Amino acid sequence: MTVERTFRAKDRTGTELEFELIAPNQAAENEGERQYRIAFSKALQEGVFPREKLREIMREHNMWTEDDEKQLKRCVGRIAILQIELKTEQTKGDQKRCLEIARDISNTRRRMWELFLVQQTVYMHSAEGVSEVIKAEAVMAACTVHKANRKRYWETYRQFVEERDFNENATVYVTAVTVQGRLLDEARLNMISGYPEKEYLKDVQDRMLEREVEEEVIAELKRRAQAATAEEEQKSQATPVVEPKKKGRKKRGERVETQADQATS
């Protein structure tokens, strides 16, 4: 079922009108890229770490390790190999083996998404992650048009932000986001329908959207964060505090050892 792109909502004056969320064109993509660059520069100025720096910090505190990186790559590679095996068994007509491979693909894909979400959940807080969110908003704002004349509703991204944050009467933003969400869901479902294991496992779901996977990822991130905190506390407790030596007067009659004495001792 195709998602309806046309919707009714109240504009900034409270008048209910008909709008449409059109597919992004080159002008909208250019607007998104421009806002991305602006947001990225501001994020860096405000001290938000870029992705590569955040990657170093994640590895330092074991939030994302070399082993995680290898596991993720292995999952991607294994899925590719299993898909080839599945196609071979389909040619042979071995349905039992096809079902086994399909289950293996599904489990491997699930693990891949778990690792991917662990990584990306942290990366969302990088300068690039913040900028990507703003880019997506800018593109959506540029694609929201009046149904009657196909003209942009928000003339600029700044106007979009001001209405979103301060105009409590307007409902164009909320409704447009809802439509955008439905379009993304439709795209995900179309992607899932292309999974080769879908033919054999009728209950295959979008691993990115499963609540169970999301909860597991949150729990894993919490566990890693607690482990990193505990490690830092152990390091701070294990570091000895060196007291500075007190300088006192030489007592009367006390002989000071000379370099010559040290050489002959």
C-alpha atoms as a PDB file:
ATOM      1  CA  MET A   1       0.000   0.000   0.000  1.00  0.00           C
ATOM      2  CA  THR A   2       1.444   3.354  -1.068  1.00  0.00           C
ATOM      3  CA  VAL A   3       1.586   6.075   1.593  1.00  0.00           C
ATOM      4  CA  GLU A   4      -0.523   9.128   0.825  1.00  0.00           C
ATOM      5  CA  ARG A   5       1.715  12.201   0.560  1.00  0.00           C
ATOM      6  CA  THR A   6      -1.170  14.708   0.728  1.00  0.00           C
ATOM      7  CA  PHE A   7      -2.378  15.875   4.146  1.00  0.00           C
ATOM      8  CA  ARG A   8      -4.478  18.567   5.801  1.00  0.00           C
ATOM      9  CA  ALA A   9      -3.092  20.723   8.604  1.00  0.00           C
ATOM     10  CA  LYS A  10      -3.347  24.171  10.204  1.00  0.00           C
ATOM     11  CA  ASP A  11      -0.865  26.728   8.926  1.00  0.00           C
ATOM     12  CA  ARG A  12       0.847  29.415  11.031  1.00  0.00           C
ATOM     13  CA  THR A  13      -2.344  31.530  11.095  1.00  0.00           C
ATOM     14  CA  GLY A  14      -4.530  28.622  12.220  1.00  0.00           C
ATOM     15  CA  THR A  15      -6.159  28.125   8.800  1.00  0.00           C
ATOM     16  CA  GLU A  16      -6.633  24.513   7.744  1.00  0.00           C
ATOM     17  CA  LEU A  17      -5.181  23.918   4.288  1.00  0.00           C
ATOM     18  CA  GLU A  18      -4.074  21.010   2.114  1.00  0.00           C
ATOM     19  CA  PHE A  19      -0.368  20.267   1.822  1.00  0.00           C
ATOM     20  CA  GLU A  20       1.836  17.705   0.142  1.00  0.00           C
ATOM     21  CA  LEU A  21       5.206  16.201   1.036  1.00  0.00           C
ATOM     22  CA  ILE A  22       6.798  15.833  -2.379  1.00  0.00           C
ATOM     23  CA  ALA A  23       9.798  13.626  -3.213  1.00  0.00           C
ATOM     24  CA  PRO A  24      13.140  15.440  -2.765  1.00  0.00           C
ATOM     25  CA  ASN A  25      14.481  17.191  -5.873  1.00  0.00           C
ATOM     26  CA  GLN A  26      17.971  18.564  -6.483  1.00  0.00           C
ATOM     27  CA  ALA A  27      17.108  21.932  -4.945  1.00  0.00           C
ATOM     28  CA  ALA A  28      15.941  20.232  -1.730  1.00  0.00           C
ATOM     29  CA  GLU A  29      19.068  18.063  -1.603  1.00  0.00           C
ATOM     30  CA  ASN A  30      21.261  21.151  -2.065  1.00  0.00           C
ATOM     31  CA  GLU A  31      19.420  22.914   0.758  1.00  0.00           C
ATOM     32  CA  GLY A  32      19.987  19.898   2.991  1.00  0.00           C
ATOM     33  CA  GLU A  33      23.705  19.830   2.229  1.00  0.00           C
ATOM     34  CA  ARG A  34      24.031  23.563   2.939  1.00  0.00           C
ATOM     35  CA  GLN A  35      22.326  23.239   6.305  1.00  0.00           C
ATOM     36  CA  TYR A  36      24.491  20.203   7.076  1.00  0.00           C
ATOM     37  CA  ARG A  37      27.678  22.233   6.575  1.00  0.00           C
ATOM     38  CA  ILE A  38      26.363  25.089   8.725  1.00  0.00           C
ATOM     39  CA  ALA A  39      25.309  22.713  11.501  1.00  0.00           C
ATOM     40  CA  PHE A  40      28.627  20.844  11.354  1.00  0.00           C
ATOM     41  CA  SER A  41      30.640  24.040  11.783  1.00  0.00           C
ATOM     42  CA  LYS A  42      28.483  25.176  14.713  1.00  0.00           C
ATOM     43  CA  ALA A  43      28.717  21.760  16.360  1.00  0.00           C
ATOM     44  CA  LEU A  44      32.519  21.861  16.234  1.00  0.00           C
ATOM     45  CA  GLN A  45      32.552  25.418  17.627  1.00  0.00           C
ATOM     46  CA  GLU A  46      30.380  24.270  20.537  1.00  0.00           C
ATOM     47  CA  GLY A  47      32.744  21.420  21.360  1.00  0.00           C
ATOM     48  CA  VAL A  48      30.851  18.483  19.855  1.00  0.00           C
ATOM     49  CA  PHE A  49      33.355  15.792  18.863  1.00  0.00           C
ATOM     50  CA  PRO A  50      33.584  14.747  15.202  1.00  0.00           C
ATOM     51  CA  ARG A  51      32.975  11.054  14.469  1.00  0.00           C
ATOM     52  CA  GLU A  52      36.641  10.023  14.249  1.00  0.00           C
ATOM     53  CA  LYS A  53      37.474  11.624  17.601  1.00  0.00           C
ATOM     54  CA  LEU A  54      34.398  10.012  19.130  1.00  0.00           C
ATOM     55  CA  ARG A  55      35.540   6.682  17.700  1.00  0.00           C
ATOM     56  CA  GLU A  56      38.865   7.060  19.551  1.00  0.00           C
ATOM     57  CA  ILE A  57      37.063   7.859  22.807  1.00  0.00           C
ATOM     58  CA  MET A  58      34.701   4.918  22.340  1.00  0.00           C
ATOM     59  CA  ARG A  59      37.627   2.545  21.880  1.00  0.00           C
ATOM     60  CA  GLU A  60      39.510   4.041  24.812  1.00  0.00           C
ATOM     61  CA  HIS A  61      36.550   3.319  27.112  1.00  0.00           C
ATOM     62  CA  ASN A  62      35.583   0.029  25.390  1.00  0.00           C
ATOM     63  CA  MET A  63      32.261   1.441  24.195  1.00  0.00           C
ATOM     64  CA  TRP A  64      33.210   0.219  20.719  1.00  0.00           C
ATOM     65  CA  THR A  65      36.155  -2.159  20.411  1.00  0.00           C
ATOM     66  CA  GLU A  66      38.273  -3.630  17.621  1.00  0.00           C
ATOM     67  CA  ASP A  67      36.491  -6.929  18.239  1.00  0.00           C
ATOM     68  CA  ASP A  68      33.117  -5.234  17.685  1.00  0.00           C
ATOM     69  CA  GLU A  69      34.425  -3.818  14.412  1.00  0.00           C
ATOM     70  CA  LYS A  70      35.622  -7.247  13.292  1.00  0.00           C
ATOM     71  CA  GLN A  71      32.341  -8.897  14.307  1.00  0.00           C
ATOM     72  CA  LEU A  72      30.349  -6.367  12.309  1.00  0.00           C
ATOM     73  CA  LYS A  73      32.473  -6.951   9.205  1.00  0.00           C
ATOM     74  CA  ARG A  74      32.248 -10.721   9.664  1.00  0.00           C
ATOM     75  CA  CYS A  75      28.450 -10.530   9.875  1.00  0.00           C
ATOM     76  CA  VAL A  76      28.254  -8.526   6.651  1.00  0.00           C
ATOM     77  CA  GLY A  77      30.594 -10.953   4.897  1.00  0.00           C
ATOM     78  CA  ARG A  78      28.792 -14.025   6.242  1.00  0.00           C
ATOM     79  CA  ILE A  79      25.423 -12.755   5.019  1.00  0.00           C
ATOM     80  CA  ALA A  80      26.872 -12.306   1.523  1.00  0.00           C
ATOM     81  CA  ILE A  81      28.293 -15.871   1.562  1.00  0.00           C
ATOM     82  CA  LEU A  82      25.066 -17.373   2.905  1.00  0.00           C
ATOM     83  CA  GLN A  83      23.027 -15.632   0.221  1.00  0.00           C
ATOM     84  CA  ILE A  84      25.202 -17.284  -2.435  1.00  0.00           C
ATOM     85  CA  GLU A  85      24.760 -20.670  -0.717  1.00  0.00           C
ATOM     86  CA  LEU A  86      21.008 -20.141  -0.571  1.00  0.00           C
ATOM     87  CA  LYS A  87      20.850 -19.444  -4.284  1.00  0.00           C
ATOM     88  CA  THR A  88      22.880 -22.621  -4.969  1.00  0.00           C
ATOM     89  CA  GLU A  89      20.570 -24.776  -2.838  1.00  0.00           C
ATOM     90  CA  GLN A  90      17.527 -23.205  -4.481  1.00  0.00           C
ATOM     91  CA  THR A  91      18.898 -24.361  -7.832  1.00  0.00           C
ATOM     92  CA  LYS A  92      19.316 -27.876  -6.437  1.00  0.00           C
ATOM     93  CA  GLY A  93      15.809 -27.794  -4.994  1.00  0.00           C
ATOM     94  CA  ASP A  94      16.912 -28.747  -1.452  1.00  0.00           C
ATOM     95  CA  GLN A  95      14.153 -27.041   0.555  1.00  0.00           C
ATOM     96  CA  LYS A  96      15.345 -28.347   3.927  1.00  0.00           C
ATOM     97  CA  ARG A  97      18.810 -26.906   3.423  1.00  0.00           C
ATOM     98  CA  CYS A  98      17.311 -23.643   2.131  1.00  0.00           C
ATOM     99  CA  LEU A  99      15.332 -23.296   5.354  1.00  0.00           C
ATOM    100  CA  GLU A 100      18.468 -23.878   7.444  1.00  0.00           C
ATOM    101  CA  ILE A 101      20.430 -21.266   5.509  1.00  0.00           C
ATOM    102  CA  ALA A 102      17.524 -18.800   5.700  1.00  0.00           C
ATOM    103  CA  ARG A 103      17.485 -19.117   9.495  1.00  0.00           C
ATOM    104  CA  ASP A 104      21.251 -18.642   9.606  1.00  0.00           C
ATOM    105  CA  ILE A 105      20.942 -15.480   7.483  1.00  0.00           C
ATOM    106  CA  SER A 106      18.175 -14.150   9.739  1.00  0.00           C
ATOM    107  CA  ASN A 107      20.183 -14.725  12.946  1.00  0.00           C
ATOM    108  CA  THR A 108      23.340 -13.231  11.430  1.00  0.00           C
ATOM    109  CA  ARG A 109      21.397 -10.208  10.185  1.00  0.00           C
ATOM    110  CA  ARG A 110      19.965  -9.711  13.664  1.00  0.00           C
ATOM    111  CA  ARG A 111      23.455  -9.706  15.190  1.00  0.00           C
ATOM    112  CA  MET A 112      24.625  -7.308  12.489  1.00  0.00           C
ATOM    113  CA  TRP A 113      21.861  -4.824  13.366  1.00  0.00           C
ATOM    114  CA  GLU A 114      22.622  -5.132  17.080  1.00  0.00           C
ATOM    115  CA  LEU A 115      26.270  -4.208  16.507  1.00  0.00           C
ATOM    116  CA  PHE A 116      25.346  -1.501  14.018  1.00  0.00           C
ATOM    117  CA  LEU A 117      22.904   0.117  16.452  1.00  0.00           C
ATOM    118  CA  VAL A 118      25.431   0.004  19.310  1.00  0.00           C
ATOM    119  CA  GLN A 119      27.848   1.895  17.089  1.00  0.00           C
ATOM    120  CA  GLN A 120      25.359   4.332  15.577  1.00  0.00           C
ATOM    121  CA  THR A 121      23.608   5.150  18.863  1.00  0.00           C
ATOM    122  CA  VAL A 122      26.871   6.680  20.059  1.00  0.00           C
ATOM    123  CA  TYR A 123      27.703   8.249  16.686  1.00  0.00           C
ATOM    124  CA  MET A 124      24.362  10.093  16.763  1.00  0.00           C
ATOM    125  CA  HIS A 125      25.969  12.427  19.311  1.00  0.00           C
ATOM    126  CA  SER A 126      28.886  13.288  17.030  1.00  0.00           C
ATOM    127  CA  ALA A 127      29.088  16.501  14.999  1.00  0.00           C
ATOM    128  CA  GLU A 128      28.185  14.501  11.895  1.00  0.00           C
ATOM    129  CA  GLY A 129      25.239  12.832  13.642  1.00  0.00           C
ATOM    130  CA  VAL A 130      23.762  16.139  14.809  1.00  0.00           C
ATOM    131  CA  SER A 131      24.261  17.608  11.341  1.00  0.00           C
ATOM    132  CA  GLU A 132      22.538  14.657   9.637  1.00  0.00           C
ATOM    133  CA  VAL A 133      19.389  15.246  11.705  1.00  0.00           C
ATOM    134  CA  ILE A 134      19.331  18.912  10.677  1.00  0.00           C
ATOM    135  CA  LYS A 135      19.947  17.954   7.056  1.00  0.00           C
ATOM    136  CA  ALA A 136      16.958  15.586   7.103  1.00  0.00           C
ATOM    137  CA  GLU A 137      14.765  18.310   8.602  1.00  0.00           C
ATOM    138  CA  ALA A 138      15.914  20.846   6.008  1.00  0.00           C
ATOM    139  CA  VAL A 139      15.092  18.471   3.149  1.00  0.00           C
ATOM    140  CA  MET A 140      11.658  17.743   4.606  1.00  0.00           C
ATOM    141  CA  ALA A 141      10.999  21.474   5.050  1.00  0.00           C
ATOM    142  CA  ALA A 142      11.956  22.130   1.430  1.00  0.00           C
ATOM    143  CA  CYS A 143       9.641  19.338   0.245  1.00  0.00           C
ATOM    144  CA  THR A 144       6.548  20.513   2.155  1.00  0.00           C
ATOM    145  CA  VAL A 145       4.431  22.439  -0.375  1.00  0.00           C
ATOM    146  CA  HIS A 146       0.945  23.868  -0.747  1.00  0.00           C
ATOM    147  CA  LYS A 147      -1.176  21.359  -2.629  1.00  0.00           C
ATOM    148  CA  ALA A 148      -2.923  24.101  -4.626  1.00  0.00           C
ATOM    149  CA  ASN A 149       0.093  25.854  -6.166  1.00  0.00           C
ATOM    150  CA  ARG A 150       3.034  23.509  -5.329  1.00  0.00           C
ATOM    151  CA  LYS A 151       4.920  26.375  -3.662  1.00  0.00           C
ATOM    152  CA  ARG A 152       7.069  25.785  -0.588  1.00  0.00           C
ATOM    153  CA  TYR A 153       5.241  26.325   2.677  1.00  0.00           C
ATOM    154  CA  TRP A 154       8.418  27.225   4.599  1.00  0.00           C
ATOM    155  CA  GLU A 155      10.458  29.600   2.488  1.00  0.00           C
ATOM    156  CA  THR A 156      13.619  28.994   4.541  1.00  0.00           C
ATOM    157  CA  TYR A 157      14.889  26.486   7.071  1.00  0.00           C
ATOM    158  CA  ARG A 158      15.021  29.277   9.653  1.00  0.00           C
ATOM    159  CA  GLN A 159      11.298  29.896   9.165  1.00  0.00           C
ATOM    160  CA  PHE A 160      10.684  26.162   9.608  1.00  0.00           C
ATOM    161  CA  VAL A 161      12.589  26.133  12.926  1.00  0.00           C
ATOM    162  CA  GLU A 162      10.803  29.201  14.281  1.00  0.00           C
ATOM    163  CA  GLU A 163       7.358  27.779  13.513  1.00  0.00           C
ATOM    164  CA  ARG A 164       8.307  24.355  14.874  1.00  0.00           C
ATOM    165  CA  ASP A 165       9.604  25.755  18.159  1.00  0.00           C
ATOM    166  CA  PHE A 166       7.288  28.683  18.891  1.00  0.00           C
ATOM    167  CA  ASN A 167       3.968  28.386  17.033  1.00  0.00           C
ATOM    168  CA  GLU A 168       1.679  26.159  19.101  1.00  0.00           C
ATOM    169  CA  ASN A 169      -1.300  26.613  16.775  1.00  0.00           C
ATOM    170  CA  ALA A 170       0.328  25.381  13.560  1.00  0.00           C
ATOM    171  CA  THR A 171       0.168  21.620  12.921  1.00  0.00           C
ATOM    172  CA  VAL A 172       1.975  21.427   9.560  1.00  0.00           C
ATOM    173  CA  TYR A 173       5.262  20.311  11.146  1.00  0.00           C
ATOM    174  CA  VAL A 174       3.719  17.564  13.286  1.00  0.00           C
ATOM    175  CA  THR A 175       1.650  16.198  10.408  1.00  0.00           C
ATOM    176  CA  ALA A 176       4.530  16.368   7.934  1.00  0.00           C
ATOM    177  CA  VAL A 177       6.750  14.408  10.348  1.00  0.00           C
ATOM    178  CA  THR A 178       4.035  11.759  10.656  1.00  0.00           C
ATOM    179  CA  VAL A 179       3.808  11.410   6.875  1.00  0.00           C
ATOM    180  CA  GLN A 180       7.602  11.290   6.643  1.00  0.00           C
ATOM    181  CA  GLY A 181       7.651   8.495   9.218  1.00  0.00           C
ATOM    182  CA  ARG A 182       5.143   6.474   7.208  1.00  0.00           C
ATOM    183  CA  LEU A 183       7.228   6.930   4.067  1.00  0.00           C
ATOM    184  CA  LEU A 184      10.331   5.667   5.887  1.00  0.00           C
ATOM    185  CA  ASP A 185       8.395   2.674   7.203  1.00  0.00           C
ATOM    186  CA  GLU A 186       7.235   1.903   3.674  1.00  0.00           C
ATOM    187  CA  ALA A 187      10.839   2.055   2.432  1.00  0.00           C
ATOM    188  CA  ARG A 188      11.950  -0.326   5.190  1.00  0.00           C
ATOM    189  CA  LEU A 189       9.183  -2.789   4.411  1.00  0.00           C
ATOM    190  CA  ASN A 190      10.138  -2.730   0.730  1.00  0.00           C
ATOM    191  CA  MET A 191      13.722  -3.438   1.748  1.00  0.00           C
ATOM    192  CA  ILE A 192      12.643  -6.363   3.936  1.00  0.00           C
ATOM    193  CA  SER A 193      10.577  -7.850   1.128  1.00  0.00           C
ATOM    194  CA  GLY A 194      13.813  -8.114  -0.847  1.00  0.00           C
ATOM    195  CA  TYR A 195      15.566 -10.216   1.803  1.00  0.00           C
ATOM    196  CA  PRO A 196      16.303 -13.664   0.288  1.00  0.00           C
ATOM    197  CA  GLU A 197      15.314 -15.411   3.552  1.00  0.00           C
ATOM    198  CA  LYS A 198      11.854 -13.824   3.398  1.00  0.00           C
ATOM    199  CA  GLU A 199      10.680 -16.596   1.062  1.00  0.00           C
ATOM    200  CA  TYR A 200      11.370 -19.252   3.700  1.00  0.00           C
ATOM    201  CA  LEU A 201      10.799 -17.380   6.959  1.00  0.00           C
ATOM    202  CA  LYS A 202       7.400 -15.739   6.848  1.00  0.00           C
ATOM    203  CA  ASP A 203       7.951 -14.086  10.233  1.00  0.00           C
ATOM    204  CA  VAL A 204      11.075 -12.189   9.197  1.00  0.00           C
ATOM    205  CA  GLN A 205      10.807  -8.669  10.597  1.00  0.00           C
ATOM    206  CA  ASP A 206      12.752  -5.468  10.283  1.00  0.00           C
ATOM    207  CA  ARG A 207      15.559  -6.012  12.775  1.00  0.00           C
ATOM    208  CA  MET A 208      16.132  -2.266  12.954  1.00  0.00           C
ATOM    209  CA  LEU A 209      12.653  -1.707  14.368  1.00  0.00           C
ATOM    210  CA  GLU A 210      12.250  -4.637  16.754  1.00  0.00           C
ATOM    211  CA  ARG A 211      11.632  -3.426  20.293  1.00  0.00           C
ATOM    212  CA  GLU A 212      13.533  -6.431  21.625  1.00  0.00           C
ATOM    213  CA  VAL A 213      16.660  -5.489  19.680  1.00  0.00           C
ATOM    214  CA  GLU A 214      16.370  -1.863  20.780  1.00  0.00           C
ATOM    215  CA  GLU A 215      16.160  -2.904  24.440  1.00  0.00           C
ATOM    216  CA  GLU A 216      19.163  -5.195  24.059  1.00  0.00           C
ATOM    217  CA  VAL A 217      21.204  -2.390  22.515  1.00  0.00           C
ATOM    218  CA  ILE A 218      20.294   0.053  25.302  1.00  0.00           C
ATOM    219  CA  ALA A 219      21.177  -2.564  27.935  1.00  0.00           C
ATOM    220  CA  GLU A 220      24.509  -3.298  26.227  1.00  0.00           C
ATOM    221  CA  LEU A 221      25.427   0.404  26.039  1.00  0.00           C
ATOM    222  CA  LYS A 222      24.524   0.829  29.709  1.00  0.00           C
ATOM    223  CA  ARG A 223      26.673  -2.175  30.650  1.00  0.00           C
ATOM    224  CA  ARG A 224      29.646  -0.831  28.691  1.00  0.00           C
ATOM    225  CA  ALA A 225      29.256   2.631  30.201  1.00  0.00           C
ATOM    226  CA  GLN A 226      29.172   1.183  33.730  1.00  0.00           C
ATOM    227  CA  ALA A 227      32.261  -0.923  33.001  1.00  0.00           C
ATOM    228  CA  ALA A 228      34.107   2.145  31.674  1.00  0.00           C
ATOM    229  CA  THR A 229      33.154   4.152  34.786  1.00  0.00           C
ATOM    230  CA  ALA A 230      34.281   1.348  37.105  1.00  0.00           C
ATOM    231  CA  GLU A 231      37.602   1.086  35.249  1.00  0.00           C
ATOM    232  CA  GLU A 232      38.229   4.817  35.600  1.00  0.00           C
ATOM    233  CA  GLU A 233      37.481   4.627  39.335  1.00  0.00           C
ATOM    234  CA  GLN A 234      39.917   1.730  39.766  1.00  0.00           C
ATOM    235  CA  LYS A 235      42.623   3.659  37.935  1.00  0.00           C
ATOM    236  CA  SER A 236      42.118   6.731  40.112  1.00  0.00           C
ATOM    237  CA  GLN A 237      42.256   4.622  43.307  1.00  0.00           C
ATOM    238  CA  ALA A 238      45.348   2.709  42.157  1.00  0.00           C
ATOM    239  CA  THR A 239      47.361   5.846  41.360  1.00  0.00           C
ATOM    240  CA  PRO A 240      49.569   6.617  44.408  1.00  0.00           C
ATOM    241  CA  VAL A 241      49.676  10.163  45.677  1.00  0.00           C
ATOM    242  CA  VAL A 242      53.289  11.351  45.910  1.00  0.00           C
ATOM    243  CA  GLU A 243      53.844  13.703  48.820  1.00  0.00           C
ATOM    244  CA  PRO A 244      56.361  16.481  48.088  1.00  0.00           C
ATOM    245  CA  LYS A 245      59.589  16.238  50.124  1.00  0.00           C
ATOM    246  CA  LYS A 246      59.861  18.791  52.884  1.00  0.00           C
ATOM    247  CA  LYS A 247      63.004  20.872  52.883  1.00  0.00           C
ATOM    248  CA  GLY A 248      64.488  21.396  56.356  1.00  0.00           C
ATOM    249  CA  ARG A 249      67.577  22.984  57.752  1.00  0.00           C
ATOM    250  CA  LYS A 250      70.765  20.956  58.030  1.00  0.00           C
ATOM    251  CA  LYS A 251      71.480  20.129  61.628  1.00  0.00           C
ATOM    252  CA  ARG A 252      74.705  21.429  63.217  1.00  0.00           C
ATOM    253  CA  GLY A 253      77.520  18.942  62.726  1.00  0.00           C
ATOM    254  CA  GLU A 254      75.709  17.038  59.991  1.00  0.00           C
ATOM    255  CA  ARG A 255      77.969  16.221  57.047  1.00  0.00           C
ATOM    256  CA  VAL A 256      76.623  16.730  53.537  1.00  0.00           C
ATOM    257  CA  GLU A 257      77.551  13.974  51.105  1.00  0.00           C
ATOM    258  CA  THR A 258      79.505  15.329  48.136  1.00  0.00           C
ATOM    259  CA  GLN A 259      79.650  14.025  44.563  1.00  0.00           C
ATOM    260  CA  ALA A 260      83.158  12.748  45.331  1.00  0.00           C
ATOM    261  CA  ASP A 261      81.818  10.724  48.245  1.00  0.00           C
ATOM    262  CA  GLN A 262      79.075   9.271  46.012  1.00  0.00           C
ATOM    263  CA  ALA A 263      81.678   8.234  43.412  1.00  0.00           C
ATOM    264  CA  THR A 264      83.790   6.327  45.979  1.00  0.00           C
ATOM    265  CA  SER A 265      80.894   4.652  47.761  1.00  0.00           C
END
